[in-house]
Amino acid sequence: MTSTPARGFSLRSFVPIALATALGAGYAPVAPGTWGSAVGLLLWLVLPASTPVQAFAIVVVVVAGVWSGGVAERHFGRTDPGQVVIDEVAGMLVTLFLNPVGWVGAFAGFLLFRAADIVKPFPARRLERLHGGFGIMADDVMAGIYANLALRLGIWLVGHLVI
């Protein structure tokens, strides 16, 4: 992991850095990943409960994250900078995708995703090693898949009720 000072502001980097930091959530002084996950939860809340729309949103966020994450690595001068939280946004969308949940279930998904993102069960930690924006995004998408499956199991365990 290389560490050099962040480059100055430029119009060319403004859009990708704004995306990578989830419109600034990544600059939170404490737990920026949690704030990025909260942005993902808020985005999920405003999306229509439509499978195609939510799938499209996931694809758009992942593609934007791969691009902006790569730009952000160059901008901040290090691999997977802490300010980059678009990966947490994507992970939250993946966590809640196709899960019939309300507020309580969405909060449970939030907690499950944060746990999976921190623990990074196999192969999530290995996916971090991918180059550039792919590595930034891949481990959180995998953590989102684990959290999605855990949320499904939780829903099943409470008798297929909407949580």
Protein backbone atom coordinates (compact mmCIF):
# COMPACT_ATOMS: atom_id res chain seq x y z
CA MET A 1 0.00 0.00 0.00
CA THR A 2 1.54 3.25 -1.10
CA SER A 3 0.88 6.45 0.76
CA THR A 4 1.41 9.89 -0.71
CA PRO A 5 -0.51 13.11 -0.13
CA ALA A 6 -3.78 13.60 -1.98
CA ARG A 7 -3.63 15.67 -5.11
CA GLY A 8 -5.32 19.04 -5.24
CA PHE A 9 -8.79 19.69 -6.56
CA SER A 10 -9.40 19.69 -10.30
CA LEU A 11 -12.57 19.79 -12.32
CA ARG A 12 -11.43 16.59 -14.02
CA SER A 13 -11.39 14.68 -10.73
CA PHE A 14 -14.45 16.30 -9.11
CA VAL A 15 -17.13 13.92 -10.45
CA PRO A 16 -15.25 10.65 -9.85
CA ILE A 17 -14.15 11.74 -6.36
CA ALA A 18 -17.70 12.86 -5.51
CA LEU A 19 -18.97 9.44 -6.64
CA ALA A 20 -16.21 7.49 -4.91
CA THR A 21 -16.83 9.27 -1.61
CA ALA A 22 -20.63 8.92 -1.92
CA LEU A 23 -21.04 12.68 -2.19
CA GLY A 24 -18.66 13.28 0.71
CA ALA A 25 -19.78 10.58 3.16
CA GLY A 26 -16.31 9.05 2.88
CA TYR A 27 -14.82 12.13 4.51
CA ALA A 28 -16.55 11.36 7.82
CA PRO A 29 -13.87 11.47 10.53
CA VAL A 30 -15.18 8.32 12.22
CA ALA A 31 -16.30 5.10 10.51
CA PRO A 32 -16.56 6.34 6.91
CA GLY A 33 -17.51 2.83 5.75
CA THR A 34 -20.52 2.88 8.04
CA TRP A 35 -21.55 6.26 6.65
CA GLY A 36 -21.14 4.91 3.11
CA SER A 37 -23.33 1.95 4.05
CA ALA A 38 -25.93 4.41 5.38
CA VAL A 39 -25.90 6.16 2.01
CA GLY A 40 -26.53 2.78 0.38
CA LEU A 41 -29.44 2.17 2.74
CA LEU A 42 -30.91 5.59 1.92
CA LEU A 43 -30.51 4.95 -1.80
CA TRP A 44 -32.30 1.60 -1.41
CA LEU A 45 -35.13 3.36 0.45
CA VAL A 46 -35.75 5.81 -2.40
CA LEU A 47 -35.52 3.20 -5.17
CA PRO A 48 -38.80 1.70 -6.37
CA ALA A 49 -39.47 -1.84 -5.14
CA SER A 50 -38.83 -3.10 -8.65
CA THR A 51 -36.38 -5.91 -9.36
CA PRO A 52 -35.21 -4.47 -12.72
CA VAL A 53 -34.73 -0.99 -11.26
CA GLN A 54 -32.80 -2.27 -8.27
CA ALA A 55 -30.67 -4.59 -10.44
CA PHE A 56 -29.92 -1.68 -12.78
CA ALA A 57 -28.99 0.51 -9.81
CA ILE A 58 -26.56 -2.14 -8.56
CA VAL A 59 -24.91 -2.40 -11.98
CA VAL A 60 -24.64 1.39 -12.31
CA VAL A 61 -23.15 1.79 -8.81
CA VAL A 62 -20.65 -1.05 -9.36
CA VAL A 63 -19.53 0.28 -12.75
CA ALA A 64 -19.30 3.83 -11.37
CA GLY A 65 -17.38 2.46 -8.39
CA VAL A 66 -14.83 0.61 -10.49
CA TRP A 67 -14.19 3.76 -12.53
CA SER A 68 -14.27 6.30 -9.70
CA GLY A 69 -12.38 4.01 -7.32
CA GLY A 70 -9.50 3.79 -9.76
CA VAL A 71 -9.46 7.57 -10.15
CA ALA A 72 -9.63 7.97 -6.37
CA GLU A 73 -6.63 5.70 -5.83
CA ARG A 74 -4.58 7.96 -8.07
CA HIS A 75 -6.06 11.11 -6.48
CA PHE A 76 -5.39 10.03 -2.87
CA GLY A 77 -2.09 8.34 -3.76
CA ARG A 78 -2.82 4.97 -2.15
CA THR A 79 -4.68 1.74 -2.76
CA ASP A 80 -8.25 1.45 -1.46
CA PRO A 81 -8.30 4.82 0.33
CA GLY A 82 -10.61 5.05 3.32
CA GLN A 83 -12.49 7.96 1.77
CA VAL A 84 -13.78 5.69 -1.00
CA VAL A 85 -17.15 4.37 0.21
CA ILE A 86 -19.05 3.77 -3.03
CA ASP A 87 -18.18 0.11 -2.47
CA GLU A 88 -20.24 0.17 0.74
CA VAL A 89 -23.13 1.74 -1.19
CA ALA A 90 -23.00 -1.15 -3.66
CA GLY A 91 -22.66 -3.70 -0.87
CA MET A 92 -25.81 -2.41 0.84
CA LEU A 93 -27.78 -2.54 -2.41
CA VAL A 94 -26.62 -6.13 -2.95
CA THR A 95 -27.49 -7.02 0.66
CA LEU A 96 -31.09 -5.84 0.31
CA PHE A 97 -31.64 -7.01 -3.28
CA LEU A 98 -34.68 -9.32 -3.60
CA ASN A 99 -35.16 -9.45 0.17
CA PRO A 100 -38.75 -8.65 1.23
CA VAL A 101 -37.93 -6.40 4.17
CA GLY A 102 -39.29 -3.31 5.84
CA TRP A 103 -37.42 -0.93 8.15
CA VAL A 104 -36.45 -3.56 10.72
CA GLY A 105 -35.22 -5.99 8.07
CA ALA A 106 -33.32 -3.24 6.26
CA PHE A 107 -31.60 -2.31 9.52
CA ALA A 108 -30.80 -6.00 10.11
CA GLY A 109 -29.34 -6.09 6.58
CA PHE A 110 -27.28 -3.00 7.41
CA LEU A 111 -25.83 -4.71 10.50
CA LEU A 112 -25.20 -7.96 8.62
CA PHE A 113 -23.43 -6.10 5.81
CA ARG A 114 -21.25 -4.10 8.21
CA ALA A 115 -20.26 -7.37 9.95
CA ALA A 116 -19.47 -9.12 6.65
CA ASP A 117 -17.55 -6.08 5.40
CA ILE A 118 -15.42 -5.96 8.54
CA VAL A 119 -14.80 -9.72 8.83
CA LYS A 120 -14.42 -10.23 5.06
CA PRO A 121 -15.03 -14.00 4.93
CA PHE A 122 -13.36 -15.98 2.16
CA PRO A 123 -13.02 -15.03 -0.67
CA ALA A 124 -13.81 -11.37 0.08
CA ARG A 125 -10.39 -10.57 1.54
CA ARG A 126 -8.70 -12.07 -1.53
CA LEU A 127 -10.88 -10.03 -3.85
CA GLU A 128 -9.44 -6.87 -2.25
CA ARG A 129 -6.17 -7.71 -3.99
CA LEU A 130 -7.62 -7.14 -7.45
CA HIS A 131 -6.18 -4.12 -9.22
CA GLY A 132 -7.63 -0.62 -8.93
CA GLY A 133 -11.35 -0.04 -8.74
CA PHE A 134 -12.08 -3.74 -9.26
CA GLY A 135 -10.42 -4.58 -5.94
CA ILE A 136 -12.16 -1.73 -4.18
CA MET A 137 -15.58 -2.92 -5.33
CA ALA A 138 -15.23 -6.72 -5.42
CA ASP A 139 -14.75 -7.41 -1.71
CA ASP A 140 -17.78 -5.31 -0.73
CA VAL A 141 -19.98 -6.87 -3.39
CA MET A 142 -18.96 -10.27 -2.01
CA ALA A 143 -19.68 -9.08 1.56
CA GLY A 144 -23.07 -7.91 0.27
CA ILE A 145 -23.75 -11.37 -1.15
CA TYR A 146 -22.91 -12.96 2.22
CA ALA A 147 -25.12 -10.45 4.05
CA ASN A 148 -27.94 -11.02 1.53
CA LEU A 149 -27.81 -14.77 2.16
CA ALA A 150 -27.66 -14.28 5.94
CA LEU A 151 -30.66 -11.95 5.76
CA ARG A 152 -32.56 -14.54 3.71
CA LEU A 153 -31.74 -17.16 6.32
CA GLY A 154 -32.99 -14.82 9.06
CA ILE A 155 -36.23 -14.21 7.18
CA TRP A 156 -36.69 -17.94 6.71
CA LEU A 157 -35.99 -18.60 10.38
CA VAL A 158 -38.74 -16.23 11.51
CA GLY A 159 -41.24 -18.10 9.39
CA HIS A 160 -41.12 -16.27 6.07
CA LEU A 161 -42.56 -13.11 7.63
CA VAL A 162 -41.73 -9.69 6.29
CA ILE A 163 -39.42 -8.26 8.91
